[in-house]
Protein backbone atom coordinates (compact mmCIF):
# COMPACT_ATOMS: atom_id res chain seq x y z
CA MET A 1 0.22 -0.13 0.24
CA THR A 2 1.07 3.73 -1.05
CA GLU A 3 -0.15 6.70 -0.61
CA ASN A 4 1.52 10.07 -1.95
CA SER A 5 -0.26 12.26 0.19
CA LEU A 6 -1.36 12.23 3.63
CA GLY A 7 -3.56 14.13 5.80
CA SER A 8 -3.01 13.42 9.41
CA GLY A 9 -6.43 11.46 10.26
CA MET A 10 -5.73 7.48 9.90
CA ALA A 11 -7.44 4.62 12.33
CA PHE A 12 -7.47 0.67 12.65
CA SER A 13 -10.41 -0.82 12.72
CA PRO A 14 -11.11 -2.58 16.19
CA ASP A 15 -10.75 -6.56 14.58
CA GLY A 16 -7.65 -5.03 12.51
CA THR A 17 -9.13 -6.05 9.07
CA LYS A 18 -9.67 -2.30 8.06
CA LEU A 19 -7.84 0.70 7.47
CA ALA A 20 -8.40 4.49 7.07
CA VAL A 21 -6.31 7.05 5.80
CA GLY A 22 -7.16 10.70 5.34
CA LEU A 23 -5.61 12.06 1.83
CA ALA A 24 -4.29 15.40 1.65
CA ALA A 25 -3.80 15.44 -2.58
CA GLY A 26 -2.85 19.29 -3.39
CA PRO A 27 -3.75 20.42 -7.39
CA GLY A 28 -2.67 18.34 -10.06
CA ALA A 29 -2.54 14.97 -8.11
CA ASP A 30 -4.26 12.20 -9.76
CA ALA A 31 -7.95 12.45 -9.01
CA SER A 32 -8.19 8.79 -9.06
CA ALA A 33 -5.75 8.43 -6.58
CA GLY A 34 -7.77 10.86 -4.52
CA ARG A 35 -7.93 14.52 -4.05
CA ALA A 36 -7.88 16.63 -0.68
CA GLY A 37 -10.41 15.56 1.88
CA ASP A 38 -10.95 12.09 0.51
CA ILE A 39 -10.32 9.04 2.76
CA ALA A 40 -8.96 5.39 1.72
CA LEU A 41 -10.59 2.58 2.90
CA TYR A 42 -8.39 -0.20 3.07
CA ASP A 43 -9.64 -4.27 3.59
CA LEU A 44 -6.28 -5.43 4.60
CA ARG A 45 -7.57 -8.89 4.32
CA THR A 46 -7.88 -8.60 0.35
CA THR A 47 -5.50 -5.25 -0.29
CA THR A 48 -8.78 -3.60 -1.29
CA ARG A 49 -8.51 -0.04 -1.37
CA THR A 50 -12.11 2.00 -1.87
CA VAL A 51 -12.13 5.74 -1.72
CA LEU A 52 -14.60 7.70 0.27
CA ARG A 53 -15.13 11.41 -0.87
CA GLU A 54 -17.43 13.65 1.56
CA HIS A 55 -14.90 16.35 2.55
CA ARG A 56 -13.59 19.51 0.98
CA SER A 57 -10.49 19.71 3.28
CA PRO A 58 -7.95 17.26 4.50
CA VAL A 59 -9.53 14.44 7.24
CA ARG A 60 -8.13 15.67 10.35
CA SER A 61 -9.24 13.12 12.86
CA LEU A 62 -10.93 9.36 11.91
CA THR A 63 -12.71 6.94 14.47
CA PHE A 64 -14.38 2.96 14.09
CA SER A 65 -16.70 2.01 16.34
CA HIS A 66 -16.45 -0.95 18.04
CA ASP A 67 -17.91 -3.22 16.16
CA GLY A 68 -16.19 -1.62 12.55
CA ALA A 69 -19.52 -1.03 11.14
CA ILE A 70 -19.33 2.64 12.06
CA LEU A 71 -16.48 4.95 10.53
CA VAL A 72 -16.62 8.99 11.51
CA SER A 73 -14.30 11.80 10.30
CA SER A 74 -13.97 15.07 10.73
CA ASP A 75 -11.76 17.87 8.65
CA GLY A 76 -12.11 20.26 11.89
CA VAL A 77 -13.74 22.98 9.46
CA GLU A 78 -17.21 21.58 8.30
CA HIS A 79 -19.90 19.58 10.48
CA PRO A 80 -18.13 15.49 11.02
CA ALA A 81 -19.56 12.57 8.42
CA ALA A 82 -20.94 9.06 10.20
CA TRP A 83 -20.34 6.71 6.83
CA ARG A 84 -21.78 3.10 6.89
CA VAL A 85 -18.84 0.47 6.33
CA ALA A 86 -20.22 -1.87 4.76
CA THR A 87 -21.56 0.25 1.92
CA GLY A 88 -18.83 3.30 2.09
CA THR A 89 -22.07 5.50 2.23
CA VAL A 90 -22.22 9.07 4.58
CA PHE A 91 -25.68 8.41 6.46
CA ALA A 92 -25.42 11.27 8.71
CA ARG A 93 -23.90 14.64 9.08
CA LEU A 94 -23.15 15.40 12.64
CA PRO A 95 -24.28 19.41 13.31
CA ALA A 96 -20.87 20.64 14.47
CA GLN A 97 -18.41 22.54 13.20
CA HIS A 98 -15.05 23.38 13.45
CA VAL A 99 -14.88 19.28 15.03
CA PHE A 100 -10.50 18.39 14.86
CA SER A 101 -10.76 15.52 16.72
CA VAL A 102 -13.17 12.48 17.27
CA ALA A 103 -13.38 9.29 18.85
CA PHE A 104 -15.56 6.17 19.78
CA GLY A 105 -15.10 4.46 22.83
CA PRO A 106 -14.55 0.65 23.24
CA SER A 107 -17.99 -0.75 23.28
CA GLY A 108 -21.38 0.71 22.91
CA TYR A 109 -22.01 3.87 20.35
CA LEU A 110 -20.97 6.85 22.58
CA LEU A 111 -18.81 9.50 20.35
CA ALA A 112 -16.95 12.02 21.66
CA GLY A 113 -15.59 14.87 19.47
CA SER A 114 -13.53 18.07 20.46
CA ALA A 115 -13.69 21.69 18.78
CA ASP A 116 -10.81 23.86 20.44
CA ASP A 117 -13.33 26.68 20.11
CA ARG A 118 -16.45 25.12 21.15
CA GLY A 119 -15.63 22.18 23.56
CA VAL A 120 -16.70 18.53 23.47
CA TYR A 121 -19.43 17.13 21.86
CA LEU A 122 -21.30 14.11 22.95
CA TRP A 123 -23.63 12.07 20.65
CA GLY A 124 -25.14 8.39 20.72
CA LEU A 125 -24.99 6.30 17.19
CA ALA A 126 -26.84 3.69 18.75
CA THR A 127 -30.10 3.98 17.12
CA GLY A 128 -28.38 4.33 13.78
CA GLN A 129 -28.74 7.82 13.59
CA PRO A 130 -26.72 10.54 15.91
CA VAL A 131 -28.20 11.68 18.83
CA ARG A 132 -26.67 14.51 20.42
CA LEU A 133 -26.01 14.38 24.00
CA PRO A 134 -25.91 16.93 26.88
CA THR A 135 -22.89 19.34 26.77
CA LEU A 136 -20.06 18.84 29.52
CA PRO A 137 -19.94 22.18 31.37
CA LEU A 138 -16.40 23.06 31.25
CA ALA A 139 -17.30 26.73 32.16
CA GLY A 140 -15.59 28.57 28.82
CA ARG A 141 -12.18 26.52 28.74
CA TYR A 142 -11.11 25.52 25.39
CA ALA A 143 -10.98 21.28 24.94
CA TRP A 144 -7.49 20.77 23.58
CA THR A 145 -7.35 17.36 22.61
CA ILE A 146 -9.62 14.23 24.10
CA SER A 147 -9.61 10.86 24.27
CA ALA A 148 -11.51 8.05 23.08
CA PRO A 149 -14.17 7.30 25.78
CA THR A 150 -14.83 4.66 28.20
CA ASP A 151 -17.99 3.70 29.19
CA SER A 152 -18.12 6.40 31.54
CA LYS A 153 -15.16 8.69 31.52
CA LEU A 154 -13.85 10.72 29.18
CA ALA A 155 -10.43 12.85 29.32
CA VAL A 156 -10.59 16.18 28.04
CA ALA A 157 -7.25 18.41 28.00
CA ASP A 158 -7.72 21.80 27.93
CA GLY A 159 -6.00 25.15 26.70
CA ASN A 160 -3.96 25.97 30.01
CA GLY A 161 -2.76 22.22 30.05
CA ALA A 162 -5.14 20.69 32.82
CA ILE A 163 -6.04 17.23 31.73
CA THR A 164 -9.39 16.53 33.66
CA ILE A 165 -11.36 13.25 33.81
CA TRP A 166 -15.34 14.14 33.35
CA ASP A 167 -17.97 11.18 34.45
CA VAL A 168 -19.89 11.21 30.97
CA ARG A 169 -23.11 10.40 32.29
CA ARG A 170 -23.02 12.54 34.91
CA ARG A 171 -21.49 15.59 33.48
CA GLU A 172 -18.81 15.44 36.34
CA SER A 173 -15.24 15.99 36.91
CA LEU A 174 -13.67 13.31 38.57
CA GLN A 175 -9.86 14.30 38.84
CA THR A 176 -7.41 16.85 37.26
CA PHE A 177 -3.89 16.74 36.37
CA GLN A 178 -1.61 19.20 35.01
CA ASP A 179 1.26 17.18 33.03
CA ARG A 180 2.61 20.01 31.33
CA GLY A 181 1.86 24.02 30.67
CA ARG A 182 -0.25 25.88 28.50
CA THR A 183 -1.41 24.72 25.32
CA GLU A 184 1.57 21.87 25.71
CA THR A 185 -0.64 18.20 25.31
CA VAL A 186 -1.19 17.18 22.16
CA SER A 187 -2.34 13.46 22.93
CA VAL A 188 -4.13 11.85 26.16
CA ALA A 189 -5.81 8.58 26.39
CA LEU A 190 -7.62 6.34 28.87
CA SER A 191 -7.36 2.72 29.15
CA ARG A 192 -10.18 0.27 28.48
CA ASP A 193 -11.30 0.09 31.96
CA GLY A 194 -10.56 3.68 32.94
CA ALA A 195 -7.68 3.18 35.46
CA MET A 196 -5.12 4.45 33.34
CA LEU A 197 -4.59 7.83 32.14
CA ALA A 198 -2.26 8.42 29.39
CA SER A 199 -0.99 12.63 27.87
CA ALA A 200 1.84 13.32 25.59
CA GLY A 201 2.96 16.34 24.84
CA PHE A 202 5.67 19.08 22.78
CA ASN A 203 8.17 18.83 25.88
CA GLY A 204 9.02 15.29 25.03
CA THR A 205 7.93 13.27 28.30
CA ILE A 206 4.98 10.39 28.60
CA VAL A 207 3.37 10.93 31.83
CA LEU A 208 1.45 8.09 33.49
CA HIS A 209 -1.53 8.34 36.13
CA ASN A 210 -2.69 5.26 37.97
CA LEU A 211 -6.70 6.81 38.22
CA GLU A 212 -7.22 4.44 41.18
CA ASP A 213 -4.43 4.00 43.65
CA ALA A 214 -2.80 7.37 44.17
CA PRO A 215 -4.50 9.29 46.90
CA PHE A 216 -5.47 12.52 47.24
CA SER A 217 -4.69 13.21 43.74
CA GLY A 218 -7.18 14.15 40.00
CA PHE A 219 -6.75 18.37 40.82
CA ALA A 220 -4.56 20.98 39.96
CA ALA A 221 -5.78 23.62 41.62
CA GLN A 222 -3.68 25.32 44.75
CA VAL A 223 -4.75 23.83 47.93
CA LYS A 224 -5.97 27.08 50.25
CA ASP A 225 -7.15 25.41 53.02
CA LEU A 226 -8.05 21.63 54.52
CA LYS A 227 -10.45 20.92 57.26
CA ILE A 228 -11.39 17.42 59.14
CA SER A 229 -14.79 16.87 59.68
CA PRO A 230 -15.29 16.19 63.84
CA ASP A 231 -16.57 12.12 63.53
CA GLY A 232 -12.65 12.18 61.43
CA THR A 233 -14.01 10.39 58.48
CA ARG A 234 -14.32 13.29 55.57
CA VAL A 235 -11.57 16.10 54.86
CA ALA A 236 -12.66 18.84 52.97
CA SER A 237 -10.25 20.85 50.22
CA ALA A 238 -10.32 24.47 49.27
CA GLY A 239 -9.56 24.83 46.09
CA SER A 240 -8.62 27.84 43.84
CA ASP A 241 -10.59 26.50 40.79
CA GLY A 242 -13.40 27.76 42.89
CA THR A 243 -14.42 24.11 43.92
CA VAL A 244 -14.45 22.56 47.57
CA ARG A 245 -13.68 18.58 47.21
CA LEU A 246 -14.21 16.13 49.42
CA TRP A 247 -12.21 13.47 50.44
CA ASP A 248 -12.12 9.99 52.81
CA THR A 249 -8.88 9.90 55.08
CA ASP A 250 -7.68 7.33 52.65
CA GLY A 251 -7.74 10.30 49.69
CA GLU A 252 -10.24 8.85 47.68
CA GLN A 253 -12.55 11.35 46.30
CA VAL A 254 -16.11 11.35 47.33
CA ALA A 255 -17.85 14.36 45.85
CA VAL A 256 -16.58 17.67 44.44
CA LEU A 257 -19.07 20.75 45.90
CA SER A 258 -18.73 23.14 42.57
CA GLY A 259 -20.37 26.33 41.73
CA HIS A 260 -18.24 29.02 43.94
CA PRO A 261 -18.02 32.31 42.09
CA ASP A 262 -14.23 32.78 43.28
CA GLU A 263 -11.49 31.14 44.44
CA VAL A 264 -12.25 28.97 47.91
CA GLN A 265 -10.26 30.54 50.74
CA ALA A 266 -11.29 28.73 53.33
CA VAL A 267 -13.82 25.83 54.72
CA ALA A 268 -15.06 24.85 57.83
CA PHE A 269 -17.64 21.87 59.32
CA SER A 270 -20.11 22.27 61.75
CA PRO A 271 -20.09 20.60 64.69
CA ASP A 272 -22.34 17.52 64.26
CA GLY A 273 -20.19 17.25 60.69
CA VAL A 274 -23.57 17.69 58.41
CA ARG A 275 -22.87 20.96 56.69
CA LEU A 276 -19.77 22.85 55.34
CA ALA A 277 -19.31 26.55 55.12
CA ALA A 278 -17.09 27.94 52.47
CA VAL A 279 -15.80 31.12 52.23
CA THR A 280 -14.46 33.04 49.03
CA ARG A 281 -12.14 35.27 48.18
CA ASN A 282 -14.97 37.77 46.87
CA ASN A 283 -16.86 37.51 50.26
CA ILE A 284 -19.61 35.03 49.36
CA VAL A 285 -20.29 32.45 52.11
CA THR A 286 -21.99 29.07 51.29
CA ILE A 287 -23.53 26.92 53.29
CA TRP A 288 -23.64 23.16 51.97
CA ASP A 289 -25.88 20.64 53.29
CA LEU A 290 -23.64 17.37 52.47
CA ARG A 291 -26.14 14.37 53.11
CA ARG A 292 -27.69 16.40 50.36
CA GLY A 293 -24.60 17.49 48.27
CA ARG A 294 -26.74 20.61 47.79
CA HIS A 295 -26.75 24.54 49.09
CA ALA A 296 -28.52 24.29 52.13
CA THR A 297 -29.55 27.67 52.10
CA ARG A 298 -28.78 31.21 49.37
CA PRO A 299 -25.52 32.22 49.72
CA ILE A 300 -24.46 34.65 52.21
CA VAL A 301 -22.53 38.05 50.58
CA SER A 302 -20.36 39.13 53.35
CA LYS A 303 -20.04 43.28 53.75
CA GLY A 304 -16.29 42.86 53.77
CA VAL A 305 -14.44 45.23 51.78
CA GLY A 306 -11.39 42.61 51.60
CA ALA A 307 -10.45 39.69 50.57
CA SER A 308 -12.14 36.47 52.64
CA THR A 309 -9.77 34.70 54.58
CA ASP A 310 -10.88 32.71 56.87
CA VAL A 311 -14.42 30.69 58.08
CA ALA A 312 -15.90 28.85 61.41
CA PHE A 313 -18.85 27.21 63.03
CA ASP A 314 -19.34 28.02 66.62
CA PRO A 315 -19.13 25.06 68.81
CA GLY A 316 -22.98 24.64 68.70
CA GLY A 317 -23.20 25.00 65.43
CA ARG A 318 -25.44 27.87 65.56
CA LEU A 319 -22.90 30.94 64.47
CA VAL A 320 -20.71 31.21 61.84
CA ALA A 321 -18.28 34.01 61.57
CA ALA A 322 -15.98 34.85 58.47
CA ALA A 323 -12.70 36.58 58.49
CA THR A 324 -13.24 39.42 55.29
CA LEU A 325 -10.87 42.24 57.25
CA GLY A 326 -13.00 41.99 59.95
CA PRO A 327 -15.68 39.69 61.48
CA PHE A 328 -18.80 39.02 59.84
CA VAL A 329 -20.97 37.11 62.22
CA TRP A 330 -24.41 35.38 61.08
CA ASP A 331 -26.64 33.48 63.35
CA VAL A 332 -28.04 29.83 61.16
CA GLY A 333 -30.30 28.83 63.48
CA ASP A 334 -32.72 29.09 61.20
CA ILE A 335 -30.90 27.62 58.28
CA ASN A 336 -33.45 29.18 55.63
CA ASN A 337 -33.25 32.77 56.87
CA PRO A 338 -30.09 33.42 57.95
CA THR A 339 -28.93 37.07 60.65
CA ASP A 340 -26.41 38.94 60.35
CA ILE A 341 -25.51 39.84 63.69
CA THR A 342 -22.06 41.53 62.66
CA ALA A 343 -23.43 44.59 64.26
CA ARG A 344 -22.68 43.06 67.77
CA PHE A 345 -18.83 43.16 67.34
CA PRO A 346 -16.70 46.39 67.86
CA ALA A 347 -15.07 47.04 64.18
CA GLN A 348 -11.83 45.23 63.94
CA ILE A 349 -9.15 44.21 61.01
CA VAL A 350 -9.45 40.56 61.38
CA THR A 351 -7.51 38.05 58.78
CA SER A 352 -8.23 34.52 60.87
CA LEU A 353 -10.62 34.22 63.16
CA ALA A 354 -11.54 31.21 65.90
CA PHE A 355 -14.00 29.99 68.30
CA THR A 356 -13.24 28.84 72.06
CA PRO A 357 -14.56 25.06 72.92
CA ASP A 358 -16.64 26.05 75.25
CA GLY A 359 -18.51 28.48 72.82
CA HIS A 360 -18.11 31.30 74.99
CA ARG A 361 -15.60 33.69 73.20
CA LEU A 362 -14.52 34.66 69.27
CA LEU A 363 -10.87 34.81 68.85
CA GLY A 364 -9.57 37.06 65.61
CA ALA A 365 -5.84 37.68 65.07
CA SER A 366 -5.45 40.61 62.45
CA VAL A 367 -2.17 43.05 61.02
CA GLY A 368 -0.09 44.95 63.31
CA GLY A 369 0.06 41.39 65.26
CA PHE A 370 -3.04 41.97 67.98
CA VAL A 371 -5.21 38.75 69.01
CA ASN A 372 -8.68 40.55 69.53
CA THR A 373 -11.38 38.34 71.96
CA TRP A 374 -15.05 39.05 72.11
CA ASP A 375 -17.86 37.72 73.95
CA VAL A 376 -20.18 35.73 71.63
CA THR A 377 -23.28 36.56 73.22
CA THR A 378 -22.74 40.39 74.16
CA GLY A 379 -19.81 41.17 71.21
CA LYS A 380 -18.20 42.96 74.36
CA LEU A 381 -13.96 43.45 73.41
CA LEU A 382 -12.76 41.36 76.22
CA SER A 383 -9.01 42.09 75.24
CA ARG A 384 -6.85 42.99 72.68
CA VAL A 385 -2.84 41.26 72.60
CA LYS A 386 -0.15 42.67 70.69
CA SER A 387 1.96 39.12 69.74
CA GLN A 388 5.14 41.53 68.53
CA GLN A 389 4.90 38.78 65.83
CA GLY A 390 3.99 41.52 62.97
CA THR A 391 1.09 40.53 60.42
CA VAL A 392 -0.56 36.92 62.26
CA GLN A 393 -1.45 34.95 59.72
CA ASP A 394 -3.35 32.03 61.77
CA ILE A 395 -4.63 31.28 65.07
CA ALA A 396 -5.78 27.78 66.47
CA VAL A 397 -7.17 26.89 70.21
CA SER A 398 -6.65 23.51 71.90
CA PRO A 399 -9.46 20.84 71.68
CA ASP A 400 -9.15 21.28 75.32
CA GLY A 401 -9.30 25.08 75.30
CA THR A 402 -6.29 25.99 76.93
CA LEU A 403 -3.53 26.64 75.11
CA LEU A 404 -3.60 29.39 72.54
CA ALA A 405 -1.34 29.10 69.25
CA THR A 406 -0.76 32.25 66.97
CA ALA A 407 1.27 32.12 63.51
CA GLY A 408 3.08 35.15 62.18
CA ASP A 409 5.04 36.92 59.36
CA SER A 410 7.86 37.26 62.25
CA ARG A 411 8.46 33.17 61.33
CA SER A 412 7.90 32.17 64.78
CA VAL A 413 4.86 30.47 66.36
CA LYS A 414 3.49 31.53 70.13
CA LEU A 415 1.90 29.41 72.43
CA TRP A 416 -0.28 31.07 74.94
CA ASP A 417 -2.73 30.49 78.21
CA ALA A 418 -6.04 30.57 76.76
CA VAL A 419 -7.37 31.58 80.18
CA THR A 420 -5.11 34.01 81.36
CA GLY A 421 -4.24 35.25 77.78
CA SER A 422 0.03 35.61 79.39
CA GLU A 423 2.57 34.08 76.82
CA LEU A 424 4.22 30.69 77.41
CA ALA A 425 6.14 29.71 75.02
CA VAL A 426 7.96 31.20 71.32
CA LEU A 427 8.84 28.24 68.57
CA HIS A 428 11.70 29.33 66.27
CA GLY A 429 12.73 27.14 63.74
CA HIS A 430 10.31 28.33 60.15
CA THR A 431 12.80 30.50 57.77
CA ALA A 432 9.96 32.27 56.49
CA PRO A 433 5.77 33.99 57.21
CA VAL A 434 3.90 30.75 59.03
CA GLN A 435 0.59 31.10 57.25
CA VAL A 436 -1.11 28.14 59.06
CA LEU A 437 -1.86 25.83 62.93
CA ALA A 438 -3.28 22.54 63.57
CA PHE A 439 -3.72 21.18 67.04
CA SER A 440 -3.68 17.52 67.45
CA ARG A 441 -6.44 15.94 68.55
CA ASP A 442 -5.18 15.30 71.75
CA GLY A 443 -3.75 18.42 71.92
CA ARG A 444 -0.33 17.36 72.87
CA ARG A 445 1.02 18.66 69.54
CA ILE A 446 0.86 21.38 66.64
CA ALA A 447 1.95 21.45 63.22
CA SER A 448 3.04 24.86 61.40
CA ALA A 449 3.73 25.54 58.18
CA GLY A 450 4.00 28.19 55.98
CA ASP A 451 5.92 29.83 52.93
CA ASP A 452 9.41 28.37 53.23
CA ARG A 453 7.22 25.22 52.22
CA THR A 454 8.04 22.97 55.34
CA ILE A 455 6.32 21.76 58.42
CA ILE A 456 7.19 21.90 62.10
CA ILE A 457 5.83 19.52 64.50
CA TRP A 458 5.82 20.74 68.03
CA ASP A 459 5.53 19.19 71.39
CA THR A 460 2.85 21.51 73.44
CA VAL A 461 4.08 20.66 76.58
CA THR A 462 7.99 21.04 76.28
CA HIS A 463 7.90 23.36 73.24
CA GLN A 464 10.29 21.16 71.60
CA ARG A 465 10.58 20.48 67.79
CA VAL A 466 9.68 17.16 67.33
CA THR A 467 10.43 16.48 63.58
CA THR A 468 10.37 18.64 60.29
CA LEU A 469 8.35 17.53 57.23
CA SER A 470 9.63 18.59 53.76
CA GLY A 471 8.76 17.50 50.21
CA HIS A 472 5.79 20.37 49.27
CA GLY A 473 6.96 22.78 46.11
CA ALA A 474 5.02 25.71 47.13
CA ARG A 475 3.61 27.61 50.22
CA VAL A 476 1.48 25.26 53.09
CA ARG A 477 -1.89 26.63 53.79
CA GLY A 478 -3.33 23.64 55.12
CA LEU A 479 -3.40 21.58 57.86
CA ALA A 480 -5.07 18.84 59.83
CA PHE A 481 -4.59 15.82 61.89
CA THR A 482 -6.74 13.20 61.73
CA ALA A 483 -8.30 10.86 64.15
CA ALA A 484 -5.79 8.33 64.09
CA GLY A 485 -2.53 10.78 64.93
CA THR A 486 -1.54 11.08 61.08
CA LEU A 487 -1.36 14.75 59.58
CA LEU A 488 -2.46 15.84 55.84
CA SER A 489 -1.19 19.07 54.49
CA GLY A 490 -2.36 20.91 51.60
CA ALA A 491 -0.49 23.45 49.54
CA GLU A 492 -0.17 25.44 46.93
CA ASP A 493 1.73 23.30 44.53
CA GLY A 494 -1.61 21.34 44.65
CA ARG A 495 -0.88 18.53 46.60
CA ILE A 496 -2.48 16.69 49.82
CA VAL A 497 0.40 14.91 51.40
CA ARG A 498 -0.68 12.31 54.55
CA TRP A 499 2.55 12.22 57.02
CA SER A 500 2.56 9.17 59.28
CA PHE A 501 4.59 9.45 62.46
CA ASP A 502 5.15 6.14 62.75
CA LEU A 503 8.69 5.94 62.66
CA ARG A 504 9.56 2.59 61.88
CA ALA A 505 7.50 2.20 58.92
CA ALA A 506 9.01 5.90 57.69
CA ARG A 507 12.64 3.88 58.25
CA ALA A 508 11.40 0.85 56.24
CA TYR A 509 9.64 2.96 53.69
CA ILE A 510 12.93 5.35 53.50
CA CYS A 511 15.00 1.84 53.07
CA ALA A 512 12.72 0.46 50.53
CA THR A 513 12.81 3.92 48.31
CA ALA A 514 16.20 5.51 48.88
CA GLY A 515 18.21 1.87 49.13
CA ARG A 516 20.11 3.47 52.08
CA GLU A 517 19.76 5.14 55.82
CA LEU A 518 19.54 9.02 56.06
CA THR A 519 22.88 10.61 56.38
CA ARG A 520 23.37 12.19 60.43
CA GLN A 521 22.62 15.37 58.69
CA GLU A 522 19.40 14.21 57.06
CA TRP A 523 18.68 12.51 60.60
CA ALA A 524 19.23 15.80 62.35
CA ARG A 525 17.06 17.92 60.51
CA HIS A 526 14.00 15.82 59.92
CA ILE A 527 13.70 13.33 63.18
CA PRO A 528 15.54 15.13 65.33
CA SER A 529 13.52 14.42 68.36
CA GLU A 530 14.75 10.39 67.86
CA ARG A 531 18.56 9.34 68.04
CA TYR A 532 20.53 8.57 65.19
CA ASP A 533 19.93 5.11 64.50
CA PRO A 534 20.60 3.28 60.94
CA SER A 535 19.29 0.35 60.28
CA CYS A 536 18.75 0.22 56.17
CA GLY A 537 22.34 -2.10 56.34
CA SER A 538 23.68 -0.12 53.47
CA PRO A 539 25.79 3.25 54.47
CA PRO A 540 24.47 6.19 54.26
CA SER A 541 25.21 8.46 50.89
CA ARG A 542 28.23 11.22 52.04
């Protein structure tokens, strides 16, 4: 078989007996051999060649149905054509323009097409005539390239380089990966069972993703906050893509709460875990009913003049407070009619807030290093303490209500007596502003993290550093301890990492992965609370 002028479209039938090739013959070419827009259809058993003529521009994409009975072609200009392979005739034109890629799945008659200026088209051809199916909500993003659909999944690479796995039946995004930069992905493929994703691009790499095993994976947005439900069964992550993702503690995604009008900056579970509050950068508070997966009430618009940075429920679940360069508080006892009670509290600039476990006080940290304490019932300002930490970026209260921790731009963490307000300790170790704090559930440890991309675990009794965790590639914005005592961290590198404090398991993993023991310097940096004790059986690298 020889073709002198080929287009970019080519496809084998699933049984391997037929080959379809798009032709791109120029002016003066032998018309009997085929002209631009024609398709050469070969029967590989007999080497018979049939010319299919319908398009006026070179065909860019070809795909056979799973049984080889239907061939669909697209040229990126006019409507794609559906052919009956047995007769070589067009039986339908698919009503869509600029479709440059078409693909059937490995079973059924689901056909996907992508147009870089119009998104993704879906058709069903089971009846012999194309039936237009609901489109995917790409929110205006271009469909740069697509995979062949599986029974329920489709991979779409957009113009920003993000690859999103979609459930085509529910029209919901499942996972997102940022394998490369803008407009650099040229091909994506899903395995027949939908368990593996492969992407290739102009940077010369092929990236493989196991869609089933990787915990806390499948998204590319920056993580702005991280919280664990009171019963310890659910993890909520706030994303720069305007979504809140819900996970189980093993890292499997269980739901995506979308539709927020801006980046989600912070999230908070209600004390009973039934509701979740999310606040966006543009000051919209959304309260979700997690059992139904929908809004519990209409979105609440804060009157704050700056970007929102924090949100919290009070221990009784009746009040919701948001930090939008000031404390804004609503009574949501009647969830259908939230009441703004902000006027109860004297105005102060607030960037982070927390309720005390007894529900009697609201704490707010602010620029200038101040920590403000209000009486929740009366709104009276009880105290205003200057922390000497520059801007206080986060504030946290221990589970028993006895300790208060503040994180500041001064690169320090301070511990305070939550009752008397006296300073107990200053914890030094970070090399950049500290953004986030989290107490363990027993209150014996506190984790701090921030702009230096590291996480430090501190002992709240001895005030000593227990360990330093590194691995994030950007500012860490979320920390949360699980009921089992492990730590989850989320960062602006788009990663959620689970950290175990089982030293024996960690050493076994290091030995298996690195093939050596940590050096003394590495041990001192990462496990300073433990005596150096190499045990891999091979000497550390010097």
